[in-house]
């Protein structure tokens, strides 16, 4: 389980990115790099980390499901993810 502060920091980055998205696009179109540098650093979408929705883990996260590999495996074995089952042949 990730620290609550780490998850909260990532959520703050998501809010800032959404808030400044229009302004950032406008500055990029105008080619104003100085204006872009004056925006908050955390408003850049590249600073947002993909995290597991259940545990907050930042590595090994499947984008399609929003779950870390361990959580995904656990929920899949319990039958809680529709359409997913363990392979056997």
N, C-alpha and C. Protein backbone atom coordinates (compact mmCIF):
# COMPACT_ATOMS: atom_id res chain seq x y z
N UNK A 1 0.85 -1.18 0.00
CA UNK A 1 0.00 0.00 0.00
C UNK A 1 0.89 1.24 0.00
N UNK A 2 0.64 2.13 -0.94
CA UNK A 2 1.43 3.36 -1.04
C UNK A 2 1.05 4.32 0.09
N UNK A 3 1.97 5.20 0.41
CA UNK A 3 1.70 6.20 1.44
C UNK A 3 0.57 7.11 0.99
N UNK A 4 -0.26 7.52 1.91
CA UNK A 4 -1.39 8.38 1.57
C UNK A 4 -0.92 9.71 1.00
N UNK A 5 0.22 10.20 1.48
CA UNK A 5 0.73 11.48 0.99
C UNK A 5 1.15 11.39 -0.48
N UNK A 6 1.68 10.23 -0.88
CA UNK A 6 2.11 10.04 -2.26
C UNK A 6 0.89 10.01 -3.19
N UNK A 7 -0.14 9.30 -2.77
CA UNK A 7 -1.37 9.22 -3.56
C UNK A 7 -2.03 10.60 -3.65
N UNK A 8 -2.04 11.33 -2.53
CA UNK A 8 -2.65 12.67 -2.48
C UNK A 8 -1.88 13.63 -3.40
N UNK A 9 -0.56 13.52 -3.42
CA UNK A 9 0.27 14.38 -4.28
C UNK A 9 -0.07 14.13 -5.75
N UNK A 10 -0.28 12.87 -6.10
CA UNK A 10 -0.62 12.53 -7.48
C UNK A 10 -2.00 13.07 -7.84
N UNK A 11 -2.93 13.01 -6.90
CA UNK A 11 -4.28 13.55 -7.14
C UNK A 11 -4.21 15.07 -7.35
N UNK A 12 -3.36 15.73 -6.59
CA UNK A 12 -3.18 17.17 -6.73
C UNK A 12 -2.65 17.49 -8.12
N UNK A 13 -1.72 16.68 -8.60
CA UNK A 13 -1.16 16.87 -9.94
C UNK A 13 -2.24 16.71 -11.01
N UNK A 14 -3.14 15.75 -10.80
CA UNK A 14 -4.24 15.55 -11.75
C UNK A 14 -5.15 16.78 -11.80
N UNK A 15 -5.45 17.34 -10.63
CA UNK A 15 -6.30 18.54 -10.57
C UNK A 15 -5.63 19.72 -11.26
N UNK A 16 -4.32 19.92 -10.99
CA UNK A 16 -3.59 21.03 -11.59
C UNK A 16 -3.50 20.88 -13.11
N UNK A 17 -3.29 19.66 -13.58
CA UNK A 17 -3.19 19.41 -15.02
C UNK A 17 -4.51 19.75 -15.71
N UNK A 18 -5.62 19.38 -15.07
CA UNK A 18 -6.93 19.68 -15.64
C UNK A 18 -7.20 21.19 -15.63
N UNK A 19 -6.79 21.84 -14.55
CA UNK A 19 -7.03 23.28 -14.41
C UNK A 19 -6.27 24.08 -15.47
N UNK A 20 -5.03 23.72 -15.74
CA UNK A 20 -4.18 24.48 -16.65
C UNK A 20 -4.13 23.92 -18.07
N UNK A 21 -4.94 22.91 -18.38
CA UNK A 21 -4.88 22.26 -19.70
C UNK A 21 -5.14 23.24 -20.84
N UNK A 22 -6.17 24.06 -20.71
CA UNK A 22 -6.51 25.00 -21.78
C UNK A 22 -5.42 26.06 -21.95
N UNK A 23 -4.95 26.60 -20.85
CA UNK A 23 -3.90 27.63 -20.91
C UNK A 23 -2.61 27.05 -21.49
N UNK A 24 -2.28 25.83 -21.08
CA UNK A 24 -1.08 25.16 -21.57
C UNK A 24 -1.16 24.94 -23.10
N UNK A 25 -2.33 24.51 -23.59
CA UNK A 25 -2.51 24.28 -25.02
C UNK A 25 -2.40 25.60 -25.79
N UNK A 26 -2.96 26.66 -25.22
CA UNK A 26 -2.92 27.98 -25.85
C UNK A 26 -1.47 28.48 -25.96
N UNK A 27 -0.70 28.33 -24.88
CA UNK A 27 0.70 28.77 -24.89
C UNK A 27 1.55 27.93 -25.85
N UNK A 28 1.26 26.63 -25.91
CA UNK A 28 2.00 25.76 -26.83
C UNK A 28 1.73 26.14 -28.28
N UNK A 29 0.47 26.43 -28.59
CA UNK A 29 0.11 26.82 -29.96
C UNK A 29 0.77 28.12 -30.36
N UNK A 30 0.90 29.04 -29.40
CA UNK A 30 1.54 30.32 -29.67
C UNK A 30 3.07 30.22 -29.68
N UNK A 31 3.59 29.11 -29.17
CA UNK A 31 5.04 28.92 -29.12
C UNK A 31 5.71 29.72 -28.01
N UNK A 32 4.93 30.07 -26.99
CA UNK A 32 5.45 30.88 -25.88
C UNK A 32 6.06 29.97 -24.81
N UNK A 33 7.32 29.64 -24.95
CA UNK A 33 7.99 28.74 -24.01
C UNK A 33 8.24 29.40 -22.65
N UNK A 34 8.45 30.71 -22.65
CA UNK A 34 8.66 31.42 -21.39
C UNK A 34 7.37 31.38 -20.56
N UNK A 35 6.25 31.57 -21.21
CA UNK A 35 4.95 31.50 -20.53
C UNK A 35 4.68 30.11 -19.98
N UNK A 36 5.08 29.09 -20.73
CA UNK A 36 4.91 27.71 -20.27
C UNK A 36 5.75 27.44 -19.02
N UNK A 37 6.95 27.99 -18.99
CA UNK A 37 7.84 27.78 -17.84
C UNK A 37 7.32 28.46 -16.58
N UNK A 38 6.51 29.48 -16.75
CA UNK A 38 5.97 30.20 -15.59
C UNK A 38 4.78 29.48 -14.96
N UNK A 39 4.21 28.51 -15.67
CA UNK A 39 3.11 27.73 -15.09
C UNK A 39 3.67 26.82 -13.99
N UNK A 40 2.82 26.38 -13.07
CA UNK A 40 3.30 25.47 -12.03
C UNK A 40 3.86 24.18 -12.63
N UNK A 41 4.93 23.71 -12.07
CA UNK A 41 5.61 22.52 -12.59
C UNK A 41 4.68 21.30 -12.57
N UNK A 42 3.88 21.18 -11.51
CA UNK A 42 2.99 20.02 -11.39
C UNK A 42 1.75 20.10 -12.28
N UNK A 43 1.61 21.16 -13.07
CA UNK A 43 0.48 21.25 -13.98
C UNK A 43 0.76 20.53 -15.30
N UNK A 44 1.95 20.01 -15.45
CA UNK A 44 2.30 19.26 -16.67
C UNK A 44 1.74 17.84 -16.57
N UNK A 45 1.06 17.38 -17.62
CA UNK A 45 0.48 16.03 -17.57
C UNK A 45 1.52 14.92 -17.50
N UNK A 46 2.75 15.18 -17.88
CA UNK A 46 3.77 14.13 -17.83
C UNK A 46 4.21 13.82 -16.41
N UNK A 47 3.87 14.66 -15.46
CA UNK A 47 4.24 14.41 -14.07
C UNK A 47 3.23 13.55 -13.32
N UNK A 48 2.10 13.25 -13.98
CA UNK A 48 1.08 12.40 -13.37
C UNK A 48 1.52 10.94 -13.50
N UNK A 49 1.45 10.21 -12.42
CA UNK A 49 1.87 8.82 -12.40
C UNK A 49 0.64 7.92 -12.42
N UNK A 50 0.71 6.87 -13.22
CA UNK A 50 -0.37 5.89 -13.28
C UNK A 50 -0.31 5.06 -12.00
N UNK A 51 -1.37 5.04 -11.20
CA UNK A 51 -1.36 4.32 -9.93
C UNK A 51 -2.54 3.37 -9.82
N UNK A 52 -2.35 2.31 -9.04
CA UNK A 52 -3.41 1.33 -8.79
C UNK A 52 -4.54 2.00 -8.02
N UNK A 53 -5.78 1.74 -8.42
CA UNK A 53 -6.93 2.35 -7.76
C UNK A 53 -7.18 1.77 -6.37
N UNK A 54 -6.73 0.54 -6.14
CA UNK A 54 -6.98 -0.12 -4.86
C UNK A 54 -5.85 0.15 -3.87
N UNK A 55 -4.60 -0.09 -4.29
CA UNK A 55 -3.47 -0.01 -3.37
C UNK A 55 -2.65 1.26 -3.49
N UNK A 56 -2.73 1.93 -4.63
CA UNK A 56 -1.93 3.13 -4.85
C UNK A 56 -0.53 2.83 -5.37
N UNK A 57 -0.24 1.57 -5.67
CA UNK A 57 1.08 1.18 -6.18
C UNK A 57 1.34 1.86 -7.51
N UNK A 58 2.58 2.34 -7.70
CA UNK A 58 2.92 3.10 -8.89
C UNK A 58 3.57 2.30 -10.00
N UNK A 59 3.99 1.08 -9.71
CA UNK A 59 4.65 0.26 -10.73
C UNK A 59 3.82 -0.97 -11.05
N UNK A 60 3.94 -1.45 -12.27
CA UNK A 60 3.22 -2.66 -12.67
C UNK A 60 1.73 -2.46 -12.72
N UNK A 61 1.29 -1.31 -13.25
CA UNK A 61 -0.14 -1.00 -13.30
C UNK A 61 -0.65 -1.21 -14.72
N UNK A 62 -1.70 -1.99 -14.86
CA UNK A 62 -2.35 -2.19 -16.17
C UNK A 62 -3.30 -1.03 -16.41
N UNK A 63 -3.05 -0.27 -17.48
CA UNK A 63 -3.87 0.90 -17.78
C UNK A 63 -5.33 0.56 -18.00
N UNK A 64 -5.58 -0.53 -18.71
CA UNK A 64 -6.95 -0.91 -19.07
C UNK A 64 -7.82 -1.13 -17.83
N UNK A 65 -7.23 -1.67 -16.78
CA UNK A 65 -7.99 -1.99 -15.57
C UNK A 65 -7.72 -1.02 -14.43
N UNK A 66 -6.63 -0.29 -14.48
CA UNK A 66 -6.29 0.64 -13.41
C UNK A 66 -5.85 -0.06 -12.13
N UNK A 67 -5.35 -1.29 -12.30
CA UNK A 67 -4.95 -2.10 -11.15
C UNK A 67 -3.50 -2.53 -11.29
N UNK A 68 -2.82 -2.67 -10.16
CA UNK A 68 -1.46 -3.20 -10.15
C UNK A 68 -1.53 -4.70 -10.44
N UNK A 69 -0.42 -5.27 -10.88
CA UNK A 69 -0.40 -6.67 -11.29
C UNK A 69 -0.82 -7.62 -10.17
N UNK A 70 -0.37 -7.36 -8.95
CA UNK A 70 -0.74 -8.23 -7.82
C UNK A 70 -2.21 -8.15 -7.48
N UNK A 71 -2.73 -6.94 -7.45
CA UNK A 71 -4.16 -6.73 -7.17
C UNK A 71 -5.01 -7.33 -8.27
N UNK A 72 -4.56 -7.14 -9.52
CA UNK A 72 -5.29 -7.68 -10.67
C UNK A 72 -5.39 -9.20 -10.55
N UNK A 73 -4.26 -9.85 -10.22
CA UNK A 73 -4.23 -11.31 -10.11
C UNK A 73 -5.16 -11.79 -9.00
N UNK A 74 -5.10 -11.11 -7.86
CA UNK A 74 -5.93 -11.48 -6.72
C UNK A 74 -7.42 -11.37 -7.06
N UNK A 75 -7.82 -10.24 -7.64
CA UNK A 75 -9.23 -10.03 -7.98
C UNK A 75 -9.69 -10.98 -9.08
N UNK A 76 -8.79 -11.27 -10.03
CA UNK A 76 -9.14 -12.19 -11.12
C UNK A 76 -9.37 -13.60 -10.59
N UNK A 77 -8.53 -14.05 -9.67
CA UNK A 77 -8.69 -15.39 -9.09
C UNK A 77 -9.96 -15.49 -8.26
N UNK A 78 -10.37 -14.39 -7.65
CA UNK A 78 -11.61 -14.36 -6.87
C UNK A 78 -12.84 -14.23 -7.77
N UNK A 79 -12.62 -14.00 -9.06
CA UNK A 79 -13.73 -13.87 -10.01
C UNK A 79 -14.42 -12.52 -9.96
N UNK A 80 -13.72 -11.48 -9.50
CA UNK A 80 -14.34 -10.17 -9.34
C UNK A 80 -14.12 -9.25 -10.54
N UNK A 81 -13.37 -9.73 -11.54
CA UNK A 81 -13.18 -8.95 -12.77
C UNK A 81 -13.91 -9.71 -13.88
N UNK A 82 -14.99 -9.13 -14.40
CA UNK A 82 -15.78 -9.84 -15.42
C UNK A 82 -14.95 -10.16 -16.67
N UNK A 83 -15.12 -11.39 -17.17
CA UNK A 83 -14.47 -11.80 -18.41
C UNK A 83 -13.03 -12.24 -18.26
N UNK A 84 -12.50 -12.26 -17.06
CA UNK A 84 -11.10 -12.67 -16.82
C UNK A 84 -11.11 -13.99 -16.05
N UNK A 85 -10.34 -14.95 -16.59
CA UNK A 85 -10.16 -16.19 -15.83
C UNK A 85 -8.77 -16.74 -16.13
N UNK A 86 -8.29 -17.58 -15.25
CA UNK A 86 -6.95 -18.13 -15.37
C UNK A 86 -6.88 -19.04 -16.60
N UNK A 87 -5.80 -18.90 -17.34
CA UNK A 87 -5.63 -19.72 -18.55
C UNK A 87 -5.30 -21.16 -18.19
N UNK A 88 -5.86 -22.08 -18.96
CA UNK A 88 -5.49 -23.49 -18.82
C UNK A 88 -5.74 -24.16 -20.16
N UNK A 89 -4.77 -24.94 -20.61
CA UNK A 89 -4.94 -25.65 -21.88
C UNK A 89 -4.24 -26.98 -21.85
